Amino acid sequence: MESEKIRGLLRDLEMARKKILRPQFLELGLTVGQGQPSILANLLRHGPQTQKKLSDRCHMDVTTMSRTLDRMEAAGFVARDDNPDCRRSYLIRLTPLGEEKARRVQEIFAGYDSRLMGSITEEEAVTLCRILQKLADGLSGE
């Protein structure tokens, strides 16, 4: 059945992704599986933001985000500053160490993307994105 084959291929891709990225992130001192690389990349791309906005952008629930940010703050990667627009929230920002790690994460993602896309054409990439979006929409009920 084609659906089983697709499921298997998606699993194989995810396993290969983890095998490539995991050691590089561990070498940077990041905790894998908690979204730390994505959080760093997001903060580098969008600058300081509320925890809620960061949670939305990283597709993480607020509780998980809070625990992860606690660990990242203890490691010196991020800091929480008072939010001038809301006394009940903080703005999450990169520290200098966090910015250094985020730039390295960005390089790692770029290398991975290059390796991933190296065997298909731009046209095939566009088609693949369209198909994957249909699958994602179907799973999310949209």
Protein backbone atom coordinates (compact mmCIF):
# COMPACT_ATOMS: atom_id res chain seq x y z
CA MET A 1 0.00 0.00 0.00
CA GLU A 2 1.35 3.43 -0.96
CA SER A 3 0.38 5.03 2.35
CA GLU A 4 2.59 2.56 4.22
CA LYS A 5 5.45 3.32 1.85
CA ILE A 6 5.00 7.08 2.34
CA ARG A 7 4.85 6.64 6.12
CA GLY A 8 8.02 4.54 6.01
CA LEU A 9 9.86 7.05 3.84
CA LEU A 10 8.86 9.96 6.08
CA ARG A 11 10.09 7.98 9.09
CA ASP A 12 13.36 7.19 7.31
CA LEU A 13 13.85 10.87 6.47
CA GLU A 14 13.22 11.87 10.08
CA MET A 15 15.68 9.27 11.37
CA ALA A 16 18.33 10.44 8.88
CA ARG A 17 17.70 14.07 9.90
CA LYS A 18 18.23 13.22 13.55
CA LYS A 19 21.36 11.21 12.77
CA ILE A 20 22.87 14.18 10.92
CA LEU A 21 21.80 17.04 13.21
CA ARG A 22 21.84 15.47 16.68
CA PRO A 23 25.63 15.10 17.08
CA GLN A 24 26.23 18.64 15.84
CA PHE A 25 23.72 20.11 18.31
CA LEU A 26 25.08 18.02 21.17
CA GLU A 27 28.56 19.31 20.34
CA LEU A 28 27.19 22.85 20.76
CA GLY A 29 25.90 21.94 24.22
CA LEU A 30 22.25 22.01 23.20
CA THR A 31 19.70 19.62 24.65
CA VAL A 32 18.27 17.71 21.71
CA GLY A 33 14.55 16.99 21.63
CA GLN A 34 13.48 20.14 23.47
CA GLY A 35 13.51 22.52 20.53
CA GLN A 36 16.57 24.49 21.64
CA PRO A 37 18.02 24.80 18.11
CA SER A 38 14.70 26.09 16.76
CA ILE A 39 14.33 28.54 19.64
CA LEU A 40 17.82 29.94 19.04
CA ALA A 41 17.26 30.19 15.28
CA ASN A 42 13.91 31.89 15.81
CA LEU A 43 15.30 34.45 18.25
CA LEU A 44 18.17 35.20 15.87
CA ARG A 45 15.75 35.67 12.97
CA HIS A 46 13.02 37.66 14.77
CA GLY A 47 14.76 39.24 17.77
CA PRO A 48 13.36 39.53 21.30
CA GLN A 49 9.78 38.33 21.70
CA THR A 50 7.31 37.15 24.29
CA GLN A 51 7.29 33.54 25.39
CA LYS A 52 3.84 33.12 23.85
CA LYS A 53 4.98 34.43 20.47
CA LEU A 54 8.08 32.22 20.61
CA SER A 55 5.92 29.19 21.54
CA ASP A 56 3.66 29.85 18.55
CA ARG A 57 6.55 30.32 16.14
CA CYS A 58 8.31 27.16 17.35
CA HIS A 59 5.08 25.10 17.50
CA MET A 60 5.60 24.26 21.19
CA ASP A 61 3.15 24.36 24.05
CA VAL A 62 3.76 27.14 26.57
CA THR A 63 4.62 24.77 29.44
CA THR A 64 7.29 22.96 27.46
CA MET A 65 8.62 26.29 26.23
CA SER A 66 8.83 27.59 29.80
CA ARG A 67 10.85 24.60 31.01
CA THR A 68 13.14 24.74 27.99
CA LEU A 69 13.72 28.48 28.44
CA ASP A 70 14.57 27.88 32.12
CA ARG A 71 17.31 25.45 31.02
CA MET A 72 18.53 27.78 28.29
CA GLU A 73 18.64 30.71 30.70
CA ALA A 74 20.63 28.64 33.20
CA ALA A 75 23.06 27.72 30.39
CA GLY A 76 23.47 31.40 29.52
CA PHE A 77 21.86 31.23 26.06
CA VAL A 78 18.83 33.47 26.68
CA ALA A 79 17.69 36.14 29.10
CA ARG A 80 14.27 37.37 30.15
CA ASP A 81 13.72 41.13 30.17
CA ASP A 82 10.70 43.05 31.42
CA ASN A 83 8.18 43.61 28.64
CA PRO A 84 7.45 47.35 28.43
CA ASP A 85 4.08 46.57 26.78
CA CYS A 86 2.85 44.14 29.45
CA ARG A 87 3.88 43.92 33.09
CA ARG A 88 2.83 40.25 33.27
CA SER A 89 5.18 38.98 30.56
CA TYR A 90 8.82 39.01 29.62
CA LEU A 91 10.69 39.44 26.37
CA ILE A 92 13.00 36.54 25.61
CA ARG A 93 16.29 37.55 23.99
CA LEU A 94 19.58 35.97 23.06
CA THR A 95 22.63 36.60 25.21
CA PRO A 96 25.99 37.03 23.45
CA LEU A 97 26.67 33.32 24.04
CA GLY A 98 23.19 32.48 22.75
CA GLU A 99 23.76 34.57 19.63
CA GLU A 100 27.02 32.72 18.99
CA LYS A 101 25.21 29.37 19.37
CA ALA A 102 22.31 30.58 17.20
CA ARG A 103 24.66 31.57 14.37
CA ARG A 104 26.24 28.12 14.54
CA VAL A 105 22.77 26.50 14.52
CA GLN A 106 21.97 28.57 11.44
CA GLU A 107 25.12 27.22 9.74
CA ILE A 108 24.23 23.65 10.70
CA PHE A 109 20.69 24.04 9.31
CA ALA A 110 22.10 25.57 6.08
CA GLY A 111 24.47 22.63 5.65
CA TYR A 112 21.68 20.17 6.29
CA ASP A 113 19.37 21.97 3.82
CA SER A 114 22.07 21.90 1.17
CA ARG A 115 22.64 18.20 1.70
CA LEU A 116 18.90 17.48 1.74
CA MET A 117 18.14 19.41 -1.44
CA GLY A 118 21.30 18.44 -3.30
CA SER A 119 19.71 15.55 -5.14
CA ILE A 120 16.55 17.23 -6.45
CA THR A 121 15.86 20.10 -8.82
CA GLU A 122 14.18 23.36 -7.85
CA GLU A 123 11.06 22.27 -9.72
CA GLU A 124 10.98 18.98 -7.81
CA ALA A 125 11.42 20.90 -4.56
CA VAL A 126 8.40 23.08 -5.36
CA THR A 127 6.31 20.00 -6.18
CA LEU A 128 7.47 18.24 -3.01
CA CYS A 129 6.55 21.27 -0.88
CA ARG A 130 3.10 21.38 -2.42
CA ILE A 131 2.54 17.66 -1.73
CA LEU A 132 3.88 17.83 1.84
CA GLN A 133 1.63 20.83 2.53
CA LYS A 134 -1.39 18.84 1.35
CA LEU A 135 -0.42 16.00 3.68
CA ALA A 136 0.07 18.40 6.61
CA ASP A 137 -3.27 20.10 5.90
CA GLY A 138 -4.98 16.71 5.78
CA LEU A 139 -3.56 15.73 9.16
CA SER A 140 -4.47 19.04 10.77
CA GLY A 141 -8.03 18.90 9.48
CA GLU A 142 -7.80 22.12 7.43
